[in-house]
Amino acid sequence: MNCHILKLHAPVIPALDNNGVLPPELHNSLLIVEFKCWDNPLVGYTYRWTLDDWHYEGPEKSITEQDRAGDTLTLEIPASSLTPGIHSIGYLVRNPTSEVIQDSPAVQIIINPAP
């Protein structure tokens, strides 16, 4: 069984301001999450977003032959999955052979209640 530990990069959420706040005008939009692909990506590994360290949702995306270490990968979180408050957003990677799952570092996001 391959239990290679991946060096996962923390995600970046371009829509956030410098304080980690999602601007109100974007509360009803898809939230784009970006991260750098890890070293030696293997075709078939999958990744998906995480919310508050446990909530796994959305479609899994797969590493393809075109994906290279350092490439920017993206995930989309629907607005309906985000509620007012402080949340942590990350992603997980799954090895399809061993079924081993590894979580990325997470980033904090603040969604203020609508005025």
N, C-alpha and C. Protein backbone atom coordinates (compact mmCIF):
# COMPACT_ATOMS: atom_id res chain seq x y z
N MET A 1 0.84 -1.17 0.00
CA MET A 1 0.00 0.00 0.00
C MET A 1 0.89 1.24 0.00
N ASN A 2 0.55 2.20 -0.85
CA ASN A 2 1.32 3.44 -0.95
C ASN A 2 0.78 4.45 0.06
N CYS A 3 1.59 4.77 1.05
CA CYS A 3 1.18 5.74 2.08
C CYS A 3 2.04 6.98 2.03
N HIS A 4 2.45 7.36 0.82
CA HIS A 4 3.28 8.54 0.64
C HIS A 4 2.55 9.77 1.17
N ILE A 5 3.22 10.53 2.02
CA ILE A 5 2.64 11.77 2.56
C ILE A 5 2.87 12.89 1.55
N LEU A 6 1.81 13.53 1.15
CA LEU A 6 1.89 14.63 0.20
C LEU A 6 2.11 15.94 0.94
N LYS A 7 2.88 16.83 0.33
CA LYS A 7 3.05 18.17 0.88
C LYS A 7 2.00 19.05 0.22
N LEU A 8 0.88 19.23 0.92
CA LEU A 8 -0.23 20.00 0.36
C LEU A 8 -0.10 21.47 0.75
N HIS A 9 -0.40 22.32 -0.21
CA HIS A 9 -0.34 23.76 0.00
C HIS A 9 -1.69 24.27 0.49
N ALA A 10 -1.66 25.26 1.35
CA ALA A 10 -2.90 25.88 1.80
C ALA A 10 -3.61 26.52 0.60
N PRO A 11 -4.92 26.49 0.60
CA PRO A 11 -5.64 27.12 -0.51
C PRO A 11 -5.61 28.64 -0.41
N VAL A 12 -5.93 29.26 -1.53
CA VAL A 12 -6.06 30.71 -1.63
C VAL A 12 -7.47 30.98 -2.14
N ILE A 13 -8.12 31.98 -1.56
CA ILE A 13 -9.46 32.35 -2.00
C ILE A 13 -9.39 33.80 -2.48
N PRO A 14 -9.23 33.99 -3.80
CA PRO A 14 -9.01 35.34 -4.34
C PRO A 14 -10.09 36.36 -3.99
N ALA A 15 -11.32 35.93 -3.75
CA ALA A 15 -12.43 36.86 -3.49
C ALA A 15 -12.35 37.53 -2.12
N LEU A 16 -11.57 36.97 -1.20
CA LEU A 16 -11.51 37.52 0.16
C LEU A 16 -10.73 38.83 0.19
N ASP A 17 -11.12 39.71 1.11
CA ASP A 17 -10.32 40.92 1.30
C ASP A 17 -9.11 40.58 2.18
N ASN A 18 -8.30 41.57 2.51
CA ASN A 18 -7.06 41.33 3.27
C ASN A 18 -7.31 40.80 4.68
N ASN A 19 -8.53 40.94 5.19
CA ASN A 19 -8.86 40.45 6.52
C ASN A 19 -9.56 39.09 6.50
N GLY A 20 -9.66 38.49 5.31
CA GLY A 20 -10.31 37.19 5.19
C GLY A 20 -11.82 37.25 5.11
N VAL A 21 -12.35 38.43 4.84
CA VAL A 21 -13.80 38.63 4.78
C VAL A 21 -14.27 38.51 3.33
N LEU A 22 -15.36 37.77 3.14
CA LEU A 22 -15.99 37.69 1.83
C LEU A 22 -16.89 38.91 1.65
N PRO A 23 -16.62 39.75 0.64
CA PRO A 23 -17.45 40.95 0.44
C PRO A 23 -18.92 40.59 0.24
N PRO A 24 -19.84 41.39 0.81
CA PRO A 24 -21.28 41.09 0.73
C PRO A 24 -21.78 40.88 -0.70
N GLU A 25 -21.23 41.60 -1.65
CA GLU A 25 -21.72 41.47 -3.03
C GLU A 25 -21.39 40.10 -3.64
N LEU A 26 -20.54 39.32 -2.95
CA LEU A 26 -20.18 37.99 -3.45
C LEU A 26 -20.85 36.86 -2.66
N HIS A 27 -21.71 37.19 -1.71
CA HIS A 27 -22.35 36.18 -0.87
C HIS A 27 -23.20 35.19 -1.67
N ASN A 28 -23.70 35.59 -2.83
CA ASN A 28 -24.55 34.71 -3.63
C ASN A 28 -23.85 34.16 -4.86
N SER A 29 -22.52 34.19 -4.85
CA SER A 29 -21.72 33.71 -5.98
C SER A 29 -20.95 32.46 -5.61
N LEU A 30 -20.55 31.71 -6.63
CA LEU A 30 -19.64 30.59 -6.39
C LEU A 30 -18.37 31.12 -5.77
N LEU A 31 -17.85 30.42 -4.77
CA LEU A 31 -16.59 30.81 -4.16
C LEU A 31 -15.49 29.95 -4.77
N ILE A 32 -14.55 30.58 -5.44
CA ILE A 32 -13.46 29.88 -6.10
C ILE A 32 -12.32 29.68 -5.11
N VAL A 33 -11.87 28.45 -4.98
CA VAL A 33 -10.75 28.08 -4.12
C VAL A 33 -9.63 27.61 -5.02
N GLU A 34 -8.44 28.19 -4.85
CA GLU A 34 -7.29 27.82 -5.67
C GLU A 34 -6.19 27.26 -4.79
N PHE A 35 -5.41 26.33 -5.33
CA PHE A 35 -4.24 25.82 -4.61
C PHE A 35 -3.26 25.25 -5.62
N LYS A 36 -2.01 25.18 -5.22
CA LYS A 36 -0.96 24.63 -6.07
C LYS A 36 -0.96 23.11 -5.98
N CYS A 37 -0.82 22.48 -7.12
CA CYS A 37 -0.75 21.03 -7.16
C CYS A 37 0.53 20.57 -6.46
N TRP A 38 0.41 19.50 -5.71
CA TRP A 38 1.52 18.92 -4.94
C TRP A 38 2.56 18.30 -5.87
N ASP A 39 3.72 17.94 -5.32
CA ASP A 39 4.80 17.31 -6.08
C ASP A 39 4.38 15.91 -6.54
N ASN A 40 4.82 15.55 -7.71
CA ASN A 40 4.59 14.22 -8.29
C ASN A 40 3.12 13.80 -8.25
N PRO A 41 2.24 14.61 -8.84
CA PRO A 41 0.83 14.21 -8.84
C PRO A 41 0.62 12.96 -9.70
N LEU A 42 -0.18 12.05 -9.20
CA LEU A 42 -0.45 10.81 -9.92
C LEU A 42 -1.86 10.84 -10.50
N VAL A 43 -1.96 10.45 -11.77
CA VAL A 43 -3.25 10.41 -12.45
C VAL A 43 -4.22 9.55 -11.64
N GLY A 44 -5.42 10.05 -11.46
CA GLY A 44 -6.44 9.30 -10.75
C GLY A 44 -6.65 9.74 -9.31
N TYR A 45 -5.64 10.41 -8.72
CA TYR A 45 -5.86 10.96 -7.38
C TYR A 45 -7.00 11.96 -7.51
N THR A 46 -7.83 12.08 -6.48
CA THR A 46 -8.93 13.02 -6.53
C THR A 46 -8.80 14.05 -5.41
N TYR A 47 -9.48 15.16 -5.60
CA TYR A 47 -9.49 16.22 -4.60
C TYR A 47 -10.86 16.86 -4.56
N ARG A 48 -11.23 17.35 -3.39
CA ARG A 48 -12.51 18.06 -3.19
C ARG A 48 -12.36 19.01 -2.01
N TRP A 49 -13.25 19.98 -1.91
CA TRP A 49 -13.13 20.99 -0.87
C TRP A 49 -13.66 20.48 0.46
N THR A 50 -13.18 21.11 1.52
CA THR A 50 -13.65 20.83 2.88
C THR A 50 -14.08 22.13 3.53
N LEU A 51 -15.06 22.03 4.39
CA LEU A 51 -15.58 23.19 5.11
C LEU A 51 -15.60 22.85 6.59
N ASP A 52 -14.97 23.67 7.38
CA ASP A 52 -14.94 23.50 8.83
C ASP A 52 -14.38 22.13 9.24
N ASP A 53 -13.38 21.69 8.50
CA ASP A 53 -12.60 20.48 8.81
C ASP A 53 -13.37 19.18 8.76
N TRP A 54 -14.58 19.18 8.32
CA TRP A 54 -15.30 17.91 8.30
C TRP A 54 -16.31 17.77 7.17
N HIS A 55 -16.80 18.85 6.65
CA HIS A 55 -17.90 18.83 5.71
C HIS A 55 -17.35 18.67 4.29
N TYR A 56 -17.45 17.48 3.76
CA TYR A 56 -16.93 17.21 2.41
C TYR A 56 -18.10 17.18 1.45
N GLU A 57 -18.01 18.01 0.45
CA GLU A 57 -19.13 18.12 -0.45
C GLU A 57 -18.63 18.45 -1.85
N GLY A 58 -19.56 18.49 -2.77
CA GLY A 58 -19.22 18.85 -4.13
C GLY A 58 -18.57 17.69 -4.85
N PRO A 59 -18.47 17.82 -6.15
CA PRO A 59 -17.89 16.74 -6.94
C PRO A 59 -16.38 16.62 -6.71
N GLU A 60 -15.92 15.39 -6.75
CA GLU A 60 -14.47 15.18 -6.72
C GLU A 60 -13.92 15.52 -8.10
N LYS A 61 -12.75 16.10 -8.12
CA LYS A 61 -12.03 16.32 -9.37
C LYS A 61 -10.84 15.38 -9.36
N SER A 62 -10.41 14.99 -10.54
CA SER A 62 -9.30 14.04 -10.66
C SER A 62 -8.08 14.68 -11.27
N ILE A 63 -6.92 14.24 -10.82
CA ILE A 63 -5.66 14.62 -11.45
C ILE A 63 -5.60 13.95 -12.81
N THR A 64 -5.20 14.71 -13.82
CA THR A 64 -5.09 14.19 -15.18
C THR A 64 -3.62 14.17 -15.62
N GLU A 65 -3.37 13.63 -16.76
CA GLU A 65 -2.01 13.58 -17.30
C GLU A 65 -1.44 14.98 -17.54
N GLN A 66 -2.30 15.96 -17.70
CA GLN A 66 -1.84 17.33 -17.96
C GLN A 66 -1.45 18.08 -16.69
N ASP A 67 -1.88 17.61 -15.54
CA ASP A 67 -1.60 18.30 -14.28
C ASP A 67 -0.15 18.09 -13.86
N ARG A 68 0.50 19.18 -13.47
CA ARG A 68 1.90 19.15 -13.06
C ARG A 68 2.05 19.80 -11.69
N ALA A 69 3.09 19.42 -10.98
CA ALA A 69 3.39 20.05 -9.70
C ALA A 69 3.49 21.56 -9.90
N GLY A 70 2.85 22.31 -9.01
CA GLY A 70 2.88 23.77 -9.09
C GLY A 70 1.76 24.37 -9.92
N ASP A 71 1.06 23.56 -10.71
CA ASP A 71 -0.09 24.08 -11.46
C ASP A 71 -1.15 24.55 -10.46
N THR A 72 -1.93 25.54 -10.86
CA THR A 72 -3.03 25.99 -10.02
C THR A 72 -4.26 25.13 -10.30
N LEU A 73 -4.75 24.49 -9.26
CA LEU A 73 -5.99 23.71 -9.34
C LEU A 73 -7.09 24.53 -8.69
N THR A 74 -8.33 24.33 -9.13
CA THR A 74 -9.44 25.12 -8.58
C THR A 74 -10.59 24.21 -8.16
N LEU A 75 -11.31 24.68 -7.16
CA LEU A 75 -12.56 24.07 -6.71
C LEU A 75 -13.57 25.19 -6.55
N GLU A 76 -14.84 24.86 -6.68
CA GLU A 76 -15.90 25.85 -6.57
C GLU A 76 -16.84 25.44 -5.43
N ILE A 77 -17.08 26.38 -4.53
CA ILE A 77 -18.01 26.13 -3.43
C ILE A 77 -19.27 26.94 -3.70
N PRO A 78 -20.42 26.27 -3.76
CA PRO A 78 -21.66 27.01 -4.00
C PRO A 78 -22.02 27.92 -2.83
N ALA A 79 -22.60 29.05 -3.14
CA ALA A 79 -23.00 30.01 -2.10
C ALA A 79 -23.93 29.36 -1.08
N SER A 80 -24.72 28.41 -1.51
CA SER A 80 -25.68 27.76 -0.60
C SER A 80 -25.00 26.96 0.51
N SER A 81 -23.72 26.66 0.34
CA SER A 81 -22.98 25.91 1.36
C SER A 81 -22.36 26.82 2.42
N LEU A 82 -22.42 28.12 2.21
CA LEU A 82 -21.77 29.07 3.11
C LEU A 82 -22.81 29.86 3.90
N THR A 83 -22.64 29.89 5.19
CA THR A 83 -23.54 30.62 6.07
C THR A 83 -22.74 31.70 6.79
N PRO A 84 -23.40 32.72 7.34
CA PRO A 84 -22.66 33.74 8.09
C PRO A 84 -21.87 33.10 9.23
N GLY A 85 -20.69 33.65 9.46
CA GLY A 85 -19.84 33.17 10.54
C GLY A 85 -18.40 33.02 10.09
N ILE A 86 -17.61 32.41 10.94
CA ILE A 86 -16.21 32.15 10.65
C ILE A 86 -16.08 30.68 10.29
N HIS A 87 -15.45 30.42 9.16
CA HIS A 87 -15.32 29.05 8.66
C HIS A 87 -13.86 28.78 8.29
N SER A 88 -13.51 27.50 8.23
CA SER A 88 -12.21 27.12 7.69
C SER A 88 -12.47 26.34 6.40
N ILE A 89 -11.69 26.67 5.39
CA ILE A 89 -11.84 26.03 4.08
C ILE A 89 -10.50 25.43 3.69
N GLY A 90 -10.56 24.20 3.24
CA GLY A 90 -9.38 23.50 2.76
C GLY A 90 -9.80 22.54 1.66
N TYR A 91 -9.00 21.52 1.45
CA TYR A 91 -9.34 20.48 0.48
C TYR A 91 -8.73 19.18 0.95
N LEU A 92 -9.21 18.09 0.42
CA LEU A 92 -8.62 16.80 0.73
C LEU A 92 -8.21 16.13 -0.57
N VAL A 93 -7.23 15.25 -0.45
CA VAL A 93 -6.76 14.48 -1.60
C VAL A 93 -6.93 13.02 -1.25
N ARG A 94 -7.46 12.26 -2.21
CA ARG A 94 -7.70 10.82 -1.98
C ARG A 94 -6.89 10.00 -2.97
N ASN A 95 -6.15 9.02 -2.44
CA ASN A 95 -5.43 8.06 -3.25
C ASN A 95 -6.44 6.98 -3.64
N PRO A 96 -6.71 6.80 -4.94
CA PRO A 96 -7.75 5.86 -5.35
C PRO A 96 -7.37 4.39 -5.13
N THR A 97 -6.11 4.11 -5.01
CA THR A 97 -5.66 2.73 -4.81
C THR A 97 -5.78 2.32 -3.36
N SER A 98 -5.22 3.14 -2.47
CA SER A 98 -5.20 2.79 -1.05
C SER A 98 -6.39 3.36 -0.28
N GLU A 99 -7.11 4.32 -0.91
CA GLU A 99 -8.22 5.03 -0.27
C GLU A 99 -7.74 5.93 0.88
N VAL A 100 -6.43 6.16 0.97
CA VAL A 100 -5.91 7.07 1.99
C VAL A 100 -6.30 8.49 1.62
N ILE A 101 -6.78 9.22 2.62
CA ILE A 101 -7.20 10.62 2.43
C ILE A 101 -6.28 11.51 3.24
N GLN A 102 -5.88 12.60 2.62
CA GLN A 102 -5.03 13.57 3.31
C GLN A 102 -5.65 14.95 3.20
N ASP A 103 -5.71 15.67 4.33
CA ASP A 103 -6.27 17.02 4.36
C ASP A 103 -5.18 18.07 4.19
N SER A 104 -5.55 19.14 3.52
CA SER A 104 -4.64 20.28 3.37
C SER A 104 -4.70 21.16 4.60
N PRO A 105 -3.74 22.08 4.72
CA PRO A 105 -3.94 23.16 5.70
C PRO A 105 -5.19 23.94 5.28
N ALA A 106 -5.84 24.56 6.22
CA ALA A 106 -7.06 25.32 5.93
C ALA A 106 -6.81 26.82 6.07
N VAL A 107 -7.68 27.61 5.45
CA VAL A 107 -7.65 29.05 5.61
C VAL A 107 -8.98 29.48 6.23
N GLN A 108 -8.95 30.58 6.93
CA GLN A 108 -10.15 31.10 7.57
C GLN A 108 -10.85 32.07 6.64
N ILE A 109 -12.17 31.99 6.66
CA ILE A 109 -13.00 32.90 5.89
C ILE A 109 -14.09 33.44 6.83
N ILE A 110 -14.38 34.72 6.67
CA ILE A 110 -15.42 35.36 7.49
C ILE A 110 -16.54 35.81 6.56
N ILE A 111 -17.74 35.36 6.90
CA ILE A 111 -18.92 35.78 6.15
C ILE A 111 -19.81 36.53 7.13
N ASN A 112 -19.92 37.82 6.94
CA ASN A 112 -20.74 38.63 7.83
C ASN A 112 -22.20 38.48 7.43
N PRO A 113 -23.11 38.58 8.40
CA PRO A 113 -24.54 38.52 8.07
C PRO A 113 -24.92 39.64 7.12
N ALA A 114 -25.91 39.37 6.29
CA ALA A 114 -26.38 40.41 5.36
C ALA A 114 -26.94 41.58 6.16
N PRO A 115 -26.69 42.80 5.69
CA PRO A 115 -27.21 43.97 6.42
C PRO A 115 -28.72 44.05 6.39
